[in-house]
Protein backbone atom coordinates (compact mmCIF):
# COMPACT_ATOMS: atom_id res chain seq x y z
CA UNK A 1 0.00 0.00 0.00
CA UNK A 2 1.45 3.32 -1.07
CA UNK A 3 0.69 6.49 0.80
CA UNK A 4 0.28 9.85 -0.84
CA UNK A 5 2.65 12.66 0.03
CA UNK A 6 -0.09 14.45 1.98
CA UNK A 7 -0.80 11.32 4.03
CA UNK A 8 2.89 10.90 4.87
CA UNK A 9 3.19 14.55 5.89
CA UNK A 10 0.13 14.21 8.13
CA UNK A 11 1.58 11.10 9.78
CA UNK A 12 4.92 12.79 10.29
CA UNK A 13 3.28 15.87 11.87
CA UNK A 14 1.45 13.66 14.36
CA UNK A 15 4.57 11.62 15.13
CA UNK A 16 6.94 14.58 15.38
CA UNK A 17 8.33 14.70 18.89
CA UNK A 18 8.08 17.94 20.86
CA UNK A 19 11.77 17.77 21.73
CA UNK A 20 14.72 17.62 19.37
CA UNK A 21 14.31 14.49 17.19
CA UNK A 22 16.91 11.74 17.47
CA UNK A 23 19.17 10.72 14.61
CA UNK A 24 17.26 7.44 14.26
CA UNK A 25 13.97 9.32 13.92
CA UNK A 26 15.42 11.66 11.28
CA UNK A 27 16.75 8.67 9.31
CA UNK A 28 13.35 6.94 9.57
CA UNK A 29 11.60 10.09 8.32
CA UNK A 30 14.06 10.40 5.43
CA UNK A 31 13.52 6.74 4.46
CA UNK A 32 9.75 7.20 4.43
CA UNK A 33 10.00 10.37 2.37
CA UNK A 34 12.33 8.69 -0.13
CA UNK A 35 10.01 5.67 -0.42
CA UNK A 36 7.00 7.88 -1.06
CA UNK A 37 8.80 9.97 -3.65
CA UNK A 38 10.10 6.82 -5.38
CA UNK A 39 6.60 5.24 -5.20
CA UNK A 40 7.99 2.20 -3.38
CA UNK A 41 6.32 0.31 -0.54
CA UNK A 42 7.46 1.40 2.91
CA UNK A 43 9.35 -1.32 4.76
CA UNK A 44 9.15 -1.51 8.53
CA UNK A 45 11.80 -3.27 10.58
CA UNK A 46 9.89 -5.57 12.91
CA UNK A 47 11.10 -7.69 15.82
CA UNK A 48 12.21 -10.51 13.53
CA UNK A 49 14.08 -10.70 10.23
CA UNK A 50 12.12 -11.11 7.03
CA UNK A 51 13.11 -13.27 4.07
CA UNK A 52 14.94 -10.39 2.35
CA UNK A 53 17.03 -9.74 5.47
CA UNK A 54 17.97 -13.41 5.78
CA UNK A 55 18.91 -13.56 2.11
CA UNK A 56 21.05 -10.42 2.49
CA UNK A 57 22.84 -11.71 5.61
CA UNK A 58 23.37 -15.35 4.65
CA UNK A 59 23.54 -15.02 0.84
CA UNK A 60 21.60 -18.31 0.79
CA UNK A 61 18.16 -18.83 -0.75
CA UNK A 62 17.21 -22.22 0.68
CA UNK A 63 16.07 -22.34 4.32
CA UNK A 64 18.25 -25.41 5.02
CA UNK A 65 21.36 -23.55 3.87
CA UNK A 66 20.30 -20.47 5.87
CA UNK A 67 19.87 -22.70 8.95
CA UNK A 68 23.40 -24.11 8.58
CA UNK A 69 24.77 -20.58 8.26
CA UNK A 70 22.89 -19.42 11.37
CA UNK A 71 24.04 -22.48 13.36
CA UNK A 72 27.67 -21.69 12.53
CA UNK A 73 27.10 -18.13 13.78
CA UNK A 74 25.35 -19.35 16.93
CA UNK A 75 22.09 -17.54 16.14
CA UNK A 76 18.95 -19.23 17.50
CA UNK A 77 16.11 -19.73 15.04
CA UNK A 78 12.77 -21.49 14.77
CA UNK A 79 11.52 -23.31 11.71
CA UNK A 80 8.04 -22.22 10.58
CA UNK A 81 5.40 -24.60 9.27
CA UNK A 82 6.24 -23.74 5.66
CA UNK A 83 9.95 -24.50 6.22
CA UNK A 84 11.13 -20.89 6.36
CA UNK A 85 13.10 -19.61 9.34
CA UNK A 86 12.03 -17.26 12.10
CA UNK A 87 15.02 -15.31 13.40
CA UNK A 88 14.83 -12.58 16.02
CA UNK A 89 16.41 -9.27 15.05
CA UNK A 90 17.90 -8.83 18.54
CA UNK A 91 19.50 -12.31 18.45
CA UNK A 92 21.09 -11.57 15.08
CA UNK A 93 22.38 -8.19 16.25
CA UNK A 94 23.84 -9.81 19.36
CA UNK A 95 25.58 -12.48 17.25
CA UNK A 96 26.94 -9.82 14.91
CA UNK A 97 28.44 -7.93 17.85
CA UNK A 98 25.92 -5.12 18.21
CA UNK A 99 24.84 -3.61 21.53
CA UNK A 100 27.62 -5.22 23.52
CA UNK A 101 28.26 -3.73 26.94
CA UNK A 102 31.71 -2.28 27.43
CA UNK A 103 34.27 -4.68 28.83
CA UNK A 104 34.59 -4.49 32.58
CA UNK A 105 37.83 -3.05 33.82
CA UNK A 106 39.94 -5.45 35.88
CA UNK A 107 39.67 -4.90 39.61
CA UNK A 108 42.96 -4.18 41.29
CA UNK A 109 42.98 -6.43 44.32
CA UNK A 110 46.18 -4.91 45.67
CA UNK A 111 47.81 -6.38 48.74
CA UNK A 112 45.48 -8.08 51.12
CA UNK A 113 46.89 -8.02 54.61
CA UNK A 114 45.71 -10.80 56.84
CA UNK A 115 45.73 -10.15 60.53
CA UNK A 116 46.34 -13.22 62.67
CA UNK A 117 44.83 -13.04 66.15
C-alpha atoms as a PDB file:
ATOM      1  CA  UNK A   1       0.000   0.000   0.000  1.00  0.00           C
ATOM      2  CA  UNK A   2       1.447   3.322  -1.069  1.00  0.00           C
ATOM      3  CA  UNK A   3       0.688   6.490   0.800  1.00  0.00           C
ATOM      4  CA  UNK A   4       0.282   9.854  -0.844  1.00  0.00           C
ATOM      5  CA  UNK A   5       2.655  12.657   0.032  1.00  0.00           C
ATOM      6  CA  UNK A   6      -0.086  14.447   1.978  1.00  0.00           C
ATOM      7  CA  UNK A   7      -0.796  11.322   4.030  1.00  0.00           C
ATOM      8  CA  UNK A   8       2.892  10.898   4.869  1.00  0.00           C
ATOM      9  CA  UNK A   9       3.193  14.552   5.891  1.00  0.00           C
ATOM     10  CA  UNK A  10       0.131  14.214   8.132  1.00  0.00           C
ATOM     11  CA  UNK A  11       1.580  11.101   9.781  1.00  0.00           C
ATOM     12  CA  UNK A  12       4.922  12.794  10.286  1.00  0.00           C
ATOM     13  CA  UNK A  13       3.283  15.871  11.870  1.00  0.00           C
ATOM     14  CA  UNK A  14       1.450  13.656  14.360  1.00  0.00           C
ATOM     15  CA  UNK A  15       4.574  11.620  15.129  1.00  0.00           C
ATOM     16  CA  UNK A  16       6.935  14.580  15.376  1.00  0.00           C
ATOM     17  CA  UNK A  17       8.331  14.705  18.888  1.00  0.00           C
ATOM     18  CA  UNK A  18       8.083  17.936  20.858  1.00  0.00           C
ATOM     19  CA  UNK A  19      11.766  17.765  21.729  1.00  0.00           C
ATOM     20  CA  UNK A  20      14.721  17.624  19.367  1.00  0.00           C
ATOM     21  CA  UNK A  21      14.305  14.489  17.195  1.00  0.00           C
ATOM     22  CA  UNK A  22      16.905  11.742  17.469  1.00  0.00           C
ATOM     23  CA  UNK A  23      19.172  10.716  14.611  1.00  0.00           C
ATOM     24  CA  UNK A  24      17.256   7.439  14.261  1.00  0.00           C
ATOM     25  CA  UNK A  25      13.970   9.323  13.917  1.00  0.00           C
ATOM     26  CA  UNK A  26      15.421  11.658  11.285  1.00  0.00           C
ATOM     27  CA  UNK A  27      16.753   8.666   9.315  1.00  0.00           C
ATOM     28  CA  UNK A  28      13.352   6.940   9.571  1.00  0.00           C
ATOM     29  CA  UNK A  29      11.601  10.086   8.318  1.00  0.00           C
ATOM     30  CA  UNK A  30      14.065  10.404   5.426  1.00  0.00           C
ATOM     31  CA  UNK A  31      13.521   6.744   4.465  1.00  0.00           C
ATOM     32  CA  UNK A  32       9.746   7.200   4.429  1.00  0.00           C
ATOM     33  CA  UNK A  33       9.996  10.372   2.374  1.00  0.00           C
ATOM     34  CA  UNK A  34      12.327   8.687  -0.126  1.00  0.00           C
ATOM     35  CA  UNK A  35      10.010   5.667  -0.418  1.00  0.00           C
ATOM     36  CA  UNK A  36       6.997   7.884  -1.059  1.00  0.00           C
ATOM     37  CA  UNK A  37       8.802   9.966  -3.654  1.00  0.00           C
ATOM     38  CA  UNK A  38      10.095   6.816  -5.385  1.00  0.00           C
ATOM     39  CA  UNK A  39       6.596   5.240  -5.204  1.00  0.00           C
ATOM     40  CA  UNK A  40       7.992   2.199  -3.378  1.00  0.00           C
ATOM     41  CA  UNK A  41       6.316   0.312  -0.542  1.00  0.00           C
ATOM     42  CA  UNK A  42       7.458   1.395   2.911  1.00  0.00           C
ATOM     43  CA  UNK A  43       9.350  -1.323   4.757  1.00  0.00           C
ATOM     44  CA  UNK A  44       9.150  -1.510   8.528  1.00  0.00           C
ATOM     45  CA  UNK A  45      11.798  -3.267  10.581  1.00  0.00           C
ATOM     46  CA  UNK A  46       9.891  -5.570  12.910  1.00  0.00           C
ATOM     47  CA  UNK A  47      11.104  -7.685  15.820  1.00  0.00           C
ATOM     48  CA  UNK A  48      12.212 -10.509  13.530  1.00  0.00           C
ATOM     49  CA  UNK A  49      14.079 -10.703  10.233  1.00  0.00           C
ATOM     50  CA  UNK A  50      12.115 -11.108   7.031  1.00  0.00           C
ATOM     51  CA  UNK A  51      13.114 -13.267   4.069  1.00  0.00           C
ATOM     52  CA  UNK A  52      14.937 -10.392   2.353  1.00  0.00           C
ATOM     53  CA  UNK A  53      17.030  -9.735   5.473  1.00  0.00           C
ATOM     54  CA  UNK A  54      17.967 -13.414   5.778  1.00  0.00           C
ATOM     55  CA  UNK A  55      18.914 -13.555   2.108  1.00  0.00           C
ATOM     56  CA  UNK A  56      21.054 -10.423   2.494  1.00  0.00           C
ATOM     57  CA  UNK A  57      22.839 -11.713   5.614  1.00  0.00           C
ATOM     58  CA  UNK A  58      23.367 -15.351   4.649  1.00  0.00           C
ATOM     59  CA  UNK A  59      23.545 -15.020   0.844  1.00  0.00           C
ATOM     60  CA  UNK A  60      21.598 -18.307   0.790  1.00  0.00           C
ATOM     61  CA  UNK A  61      18.158 -18.827  -0.747  1.00  0.00           C
ATOM     62  CA  UNK A  62      17.214 -22.215   0.676  1.00  0.00           C
ATOM     63  CA  UNK A  63      16.074 -22.343   4.316  1.00  0.00           C
ATOM     64  CA  UNK A  64      18.248 -25.408   5.021  1.00  0.00           C
ATOM     65  CA  UNK A  65      21.358 -23.546   3.870  1.00  0.00           C
ATOM     66  CA  UNK A  66      20.302 -20.470   5.865  1.00  0.00           C
ATOM     67  CA  UNK A  67      19.871 -22.700   8.948  1.00  0.00           C
ATOM     68  CA  UNK A  68      23.400 -24.111   8.576  1.00  0.00           C
ATOM     69  CA  UNK A  69      24.772 -20.581   8.264  1.00  0.00           C
ATOM     70  CA  UNK A  70      22.891 -19.424  11.372  1.00  0.00           C
ATOM     71  CA  UNK A  71      24.037 -22.477  13.360  1.00  0.00           C
ATOM     72  CA  UNK A  72      27.670 -21.689  12.533  1.00  0.00           C
ATOM     73  CA  UNK A  73      27.100 -18.132  13.780  1.00  0.00           C
ATOM     74  CA  UNK A  74      25.354 -19.355  16.930  1.00  0.00           C
ATOM     75  CA  UNK A  75      22.092 -17.540  16.145  1.00  0.00           C
ATOM     76  CA  UNK A  76      18.953 -19.232  17.502  1.00  0.00           C
ATOM     77  CA  UNK A  77      16.114 -19.728  15.038  1.00  0.00           C
ATOM     78  CA  UNK A  78      12.770 -21.490  14.772  1.00  0.00           C
ATOM     79  CA  UNK A  79      11.515 -23.313  11.709  1.00  0.00           C
ATOM     80  CA  UNK A  80       8.044 -22.220  10.584  1.00  0.00           C
ATOM     81  CA  UNK A  81       5.400 -24.604   9.271  1.00  0.00           C
ATOM     82  CA  UNK A  82       6.239 -23.737   5.659  1.00  0.00           C
ATOM     83  CA  UNK A  83       9.948 -24.501   6.224  1.00  0.00           C
ATOM     84  CA  UNK A  84      11.128 -20.890   6.360  1.00  0.00           C
ATOM     85  CA  UNK A  85      13.103 -19.610   9.337  1.00  0.00           C
ATOM     86  CA  UNK A  86      12.032 -17.260  12.099  1.00  0.00           C
ATOM     87  CA  UNK A  87      15.020 -15.306  13.397  1.00  0.00           C
ATOM     88  CA  UNK A  88      14.830 -12.583  16.021  1.00  0.00           C
ATOM     89  CA  UNK A  89      16.411  -9.268  15.050  1.00  0.00           C
ATOM     90  CA  UNK A  90      17.896  -8.831  18.541  1.00  0.00           C
ATOM     91  CA  UNK A  91      19.496 -12.306  18.446  1.00  0.00           C
ATOM     92  CA  UNK A  92      21.090 -11.573  15.075  1.00  0.00           C
ATOM     93  CA  UNK A  93      22.384  -8.190  16.253  1.00  0.00           C
ATOM     94  CA  UNK A  94      23.839  -9.815  19.356  1.00  0.00           C
ATOM     95  CA  UNK A  95      25.579 -12.480  17.251  1.00  0.00           C
ATOM     96  CA  UNK A  96      26.942  -9.816  14.907  1.00  0.00           C
ATOM     97  CA  UNK A  97      28.440  -7.925  17.848  1.00  0.00           C
ATOM     98  CA  UNK A  98      25.923  -5.125  18.214  1.00  0.00           C
ATOM     99  CA  UNK A  99      24.841  -3.614  21.530  1.00  0.00           C
ATOM    100  CA  UNK A 100      27.615  -5.219  23.521  1.00  0.00           C
ATOM    101  CA  UNK A 101      28.260  -3.728  26.935  1.00  0.00           C
ATOM    102  CA  UNK A 102      31.711  -2.281  27.428  1.00  0.00           C
ATOM    103  CA  UNK A 103      34.271  -4.683  28.826  1.00  0.00           C
ATOM    104  CA  UNK A 104      34.593  -4.489  32.583  1.00  0.00           C
ATOM    105  CA  UNK A 105      37.835  -3.052  33.824  1.00  0.00           C
ATOM    106  CA  UNK A 106      39.944  -5.445  35.883  1.00  0.00           C
ATOM    107  CA  UNK A 107      39.670  -4.898  39.609  1.00  0.00           C
ATOM    108  CA  UNK A 108      42.959  -4.181  41.293  1.00  0.00           C
ATOM    109  CA  UNK A 109      42.980  -6.433  44.321  1.00  0.00           C
ATOM    110  CA  UNK A 110      46.180  -4.907  45.673  1.00  0.00           C
ATOM    111  CA  UNK A 111      47.811  -6.376  48.744  1.00  0.00           C
ATOM    112  CA  UNK A 112      45.484  -8.084  51.121  1.00  0.00           C
ATOM    113  CA  UNK A 113      46.886  -8.020  54.610  1.00  0.00           C
ATOM    114  CA  UNK A 114      45.714 -10.795  56.838  1.00  0.00           C
ATOM    115  CA  UNK A 115      45.725 -10.154  60.531  1.00  0.00           C
ATOM    116  CA  UNK A 116      46.335 -13.216  62.667  1.00  0.00           C
ATOM    117  CA  UNK A 117      44.829 -13.040  66.154  1.00  0.00           C
END
